[in-house]
Amino acid sequence: MSNLTVIHQQEVLGQGFKVYGTVEDPLFLAKDVANWIEHTNLTMMLKQVDSEEKIKHNLGVNNNYTQVGHGGLRENTEFWFLTEEGIYELLMLSRKPIAKQWR
């Protein structure tokens, strides 16, 4: 499996927003999504998402998240990513005010 790279980056509602993968199949780092919607338990959040809407993938060594001070993630390690449908599912399930703004 090849390493994912950032294909798009911007700020939305005051939150850093990175899109990985391809334009046709965008992926979002689950850790980022948890932060965006103020979900405190990543494991529980991932259990709410169907298996088709999440994937483990490698970030690789040349990613901002693997550099010191940028999220504390280790290089060449697999991380959970969500599909676009997975994000929508979480947003619809969340009662947090920030999730309502993202909708």
C-alpha atoms as a PDB file:
ATOM      1  CA  MET A   1       0.000   0.000   0.000  1.00  0.00           C
ATOM      2  CA  SER A   2       1.493   3.347  -0.974  1.00  0.00           C
ATOM      3  CA  ASN A   3       1.804   6.302   1.352  1.00  0.00           C
ATOM      4  CA  LEU A   4      -0.932   8.921   1.344  1.00  0.00           C
ATOM      5  CA  THR A   5      -0.176  12.540   0.604  1.00  0.00           C
ATOM      6  CA  VAL A   6      -2.120  15.739   1.181  1.00  0.00           C
ATOM      7  CA  ILE A   7      -4.034  16.748  -1.966  1.00  0.00           C
ATOM      8  CA  HIS A   8      -5.819  19.774  -0.511  1.00  0.00           C
ATOM      9  CA  GLN A   9      -5.502  21.931   2.580  1.00  0.00           C
ATOM     10  CA  GLN A  10      -7.528  24.863   3.918  1.00  0.00           C
ATOM     11  CA  GLU A  11      -9.118  26.274   7.045  1.00  0.00           C
ATOM     12  CA  VAL A  12     -12.821  25.675   7.699  1.00  0.00           C
ATOM     13  CA  LEU A  13     -14.597  27.127  10.756  1.00  0.00           C
ATOM     14  CA  GLY A  14     -11.225  27.919  12.299  1.00  0.00           C
ATOM     15  CA  GLN A  15      -9.979  24.338  11.956  1.00  0.00           C
ATOM     16  CA  GLY A  16      -7.128  23.081   9.785  1.00  0.00           C
ATOM     17  CA  PHE A  17      -8.563  20.805   7.124  1.00  0.00           C
ATOM     18  CA  LYS A  18      -6.432  18.357   5.086  1.00  0.00           C
ATOM     19  CA  VAL A  19      -7.633  16.027   2.385  1.00  0.00           C
ATOM     20  CA  TYR A  20      -5.570  12.943   1.528  1.00  0.00           C
ATOM     21  CA  GLY A  21      -5.831  10.391  -1.268  1.00  0.00           C
ATOM     22  CA  THR A  22      -7.299  11.477  -4.600  1.00  0.00           C
ATOM     23  CA  VAL A  23      -9.969  13.894  -5.785  1.00  0.00           C
ATOM     24  CA  GLU A  24     -12.155  10.906  -6.687  1.00  0.00           C
ATOM     25  CA  ASP A  25     -11.582   9.145  -3.339  1.00  0.00           C
ATOM     26  CA  PRO A  26     -10.751  11.731  -0.658  1.00  0.00           C
ATOM     27  CA  LEU A  27      -9.712  10.506   2.778  1.00  0.00           C
ATOM     28  CA  PHE A  28      -9.559  12.365   6.080  1.00  0.00           C
ATOM     29  CA  LEU A  29      -7.343  11.516   9.045  1.00  0.00           C
ATOM     30  CA  ALA A  30      -9.684  10.204  11.748  1.00  0.00           C
ATOM     31  CA  LYS A  31      -7.655  11.980  14.439  1.00  0.00           C
ATOM     32  CA  ASP A  32      -8.317  15.299  12.674  1.00  0.00           C
ATOM     33  CA  VAL A  33     -12.027  14.582  12.334  1.00  0.00           C
ATOM     34  CA  ALA A  34     -12.255  13.766  16.053  1.00  0.00           C
ATOM     35  CA  ASN A  35     -10.616  17.112  16.832  1.00  0.00           C
ATOM     36  CA  TRP A  36     -12.899  18.993  14.397  1.00  0.00           C
ATOM     37  CA  ILE A  37     -16.098  17.691  15.989  1.00  0.00           C
ATOM     38  CA  GLU A  38     -14.672  17.710  19.538  1.00  0.00           C
ATOM     39  CA  HIS A  39     -14.959  13.936  19.962  1.00  0.00           C
ATOM     40  CA  THR A  40     -12.749  12.894  22.872  1.00  0.00           C
ATOM     41  CA  ASN A  41     -12.593   9.129  22.223  1.00  0.00           C
ATOM     42  CA  LEU A  42     -11.235   8.191  18.797  1.00  0.00           C
ATOM     43  CA  THR A  43     -11.859   4.464  19.305  1.00  0.00           C
ATOM     44  CA  MET A  44     -15.527   5.010  20.151  1.00  0.00           C
ATOM     45  CA  MET A  45     -15.905   7.431  17.256  1.00  0.00           C
ATOM     46  CA  LEU A  46     -14.521   4.857  14.812  1.00  0.00           C
ATOM     47  CA  LYS A  47     -16.983   2.243  16.110  1.00  0.00           C
ATOM     48  CA  GLN A  48     -19.826   4.509  14.962  1.00  0.00           C
ATOM     49  CA  VAL A  49     -18.627   4.359  11.355  1.00  0.00           C
ATOM     50  CA  ASP A  50     -19.382   1.453   9.004  1.00  0.00           C
ATOM     51  CA  SER A  51     -16.356  -0.620   7.989  1.00  0.00           C
ATOM     52  CA  GLU A  52     -16.673   0.542   4.351  1.00  0.00           C
ATOM     53  CA  GLU A  53     -16.282   4.150   5.491  1.00  0.00           C
ATOM     54  CA  LYS A  54     -12.930   3.805   7.249  1.00  0.00           C
ATOM     55  CA  ILE A  55      -9.536   2.496   6.198  1.00  0.00           C
ATOM     56  CA  LYS A  56      -6.094   2.078   7.765  1.00  0.00           C
ATOM     57  CA  HIS A  57      -3.376   3.644   5.669  1.00  0.00           C
ATOM     58  CA  ASN A  58       0.249   4.737   5.967  1.00  0.00           C
ATOM     59  CA  LEU A  59       1.096   8.446   6.191  1.00  0.00           C
ATOM     60  CA  GLY A  60       4.752   7.969   5.273  1.00  0.00           C
ATOM     61  CA  VAL A  61       7.859   9.898   6.261  1.00  0.00           C
ATOM     62  CA  ASN A  62       7.419  13.145   4.345  1.00  0.00           C
ATOM     63  CA  ASN A  63       4.161  14.266   5.865  1.00  0.00           C
ATOM     64  CA  ASN A  64       3.733  17.271   8.163  1.00  0.00           C
ATOM     65  CA  TYR A  65       2.069  15.080  10.772  1.00  0.00           C
ATOM     66  CA  THR A  66       5.134  12.881  11.107  1.00  0.00           C
ATOM     67  CA  GLN A  67       7.422  15.807  11.868  1.00  0.00           C
ATOM     68  CA  VAL A  68       8.148  16.817  15.455  1.00  0.00           C
ATOM     69  CA  GLY A  69       5.564  19.232  16.822  1.00  0.00           C
ATOM     70  CA  HIS A  70       2.937  18.515  14.160  1.00  0.00           C
ATOM     71  CA  GLY A  71       0.500  16.160  15.842  1.00  0.00           C
ATOM     72  CA  GLY A  72       2.842  13.656  17.447  1.00  0.00           C
ATOM     73  CA  LEU A  73       2.286  10.856  14.922  1.00  0.00           C
ATOM     74  CA  ARG A  74       5.088   8.435  14.095  1.00  0.00           C
ATOM     75  CA  GLU A  75       6.392   8.096  10.569  1.00  0.00           C
ATOM     76  CA  ASN A  76       5.676   4.956   8.524  1.00  0.00           C
ATOM     77  CA  THR A  77       2.804   3.990  10.798  1.00  0.00           C
ATOM     78  CA  GLU A  78      -0.730   3.112   9.746  1.00  0.00           C
ATOM     79  CA  PHE A  79      -3.496   5.467  10.834  1.00  0.00           C
ATOM     80  CA  TRP A  80      -7.264   5.398  10.510  1.00  0.00           C
ATOM     81  CA  PHE A  81      -8.773   7.483   7.728  1.00  0.00           C
ATOM     82  CA  LEU A  82     -12.411   8.202   6.987  1.00  0.00           C
ATOM     83  CA  THR A  83     -14.081   8.426   3.616  1.00  0.00           C
ATOM     84  CA  GLU A  84     -16.274  11.378   2.753  1.00  0.00           C
ATOM     85  CA  GLU A  85     -19.318   9.234   3.594  1.00  0.00           C
ATOM     86  CA  GLY A  86     -17.766   8.393   6.971  1.00  0.00           C
ATOM     87  CA  ILE A  87     -17.447  12.074   7.846  1.00  0.00           C
ATOM     88  CA  TYR A  88     -21.059  12.732   6.863  1.00  0.00           C
ATOM     89  CA  GLU A  89     -22.188   9.813   9.014  1.00  0.00           C
ATOM     90  CA  LEU A  90     -20.327  11.162  12.054  1.00  0.00           C
ATOM     91  CA  LEU A  91     -21.639  14.684  11.508  1.00  0.00           C
ATOM     92  CA  MET A  92     -25.215  13.421  11.389  1.00  0.00           C
ATOM     93  CA  LEU A  93     -24.729  11.384  14.583  1.00  0.00           C
ATOM     94  CA  SER A  94     -23.000  14.124  16.584  1.00  0.00           C
ATOM     95  CA  ARG A  95     -24.954  16.469  18.829  1.00  0.00           C
ATOM     96  CA  LYS A  96     -22.035  18.843  19.318  1.00  0.00           C
ATOM     97  CA  PRO A  97     -22.664  22.426  18.149  1.00  0.00           C
ATOM     98  CA  ILE A  98     -19.481  22.357  16.044  1.00  0.00           C
ATOM     99  CA  ALA A  99     -20.775  19.303  14.129  1.00  0.00           C
ATOM    100  CA  LYS A 100     -23.955  21.195  13.287  1.00  0.00           C
ATOM    101  CA  GLN A 101     -21.834  24.011  11.825  1.00  0.00           C
ATOM    102  CA  TRP A 102     -19.880  21.509   9.705  1.00  0.00           C
ATOM    103  CA  ARG A 103     -23.115  20.082   8.287  1.00  0.00           C
END
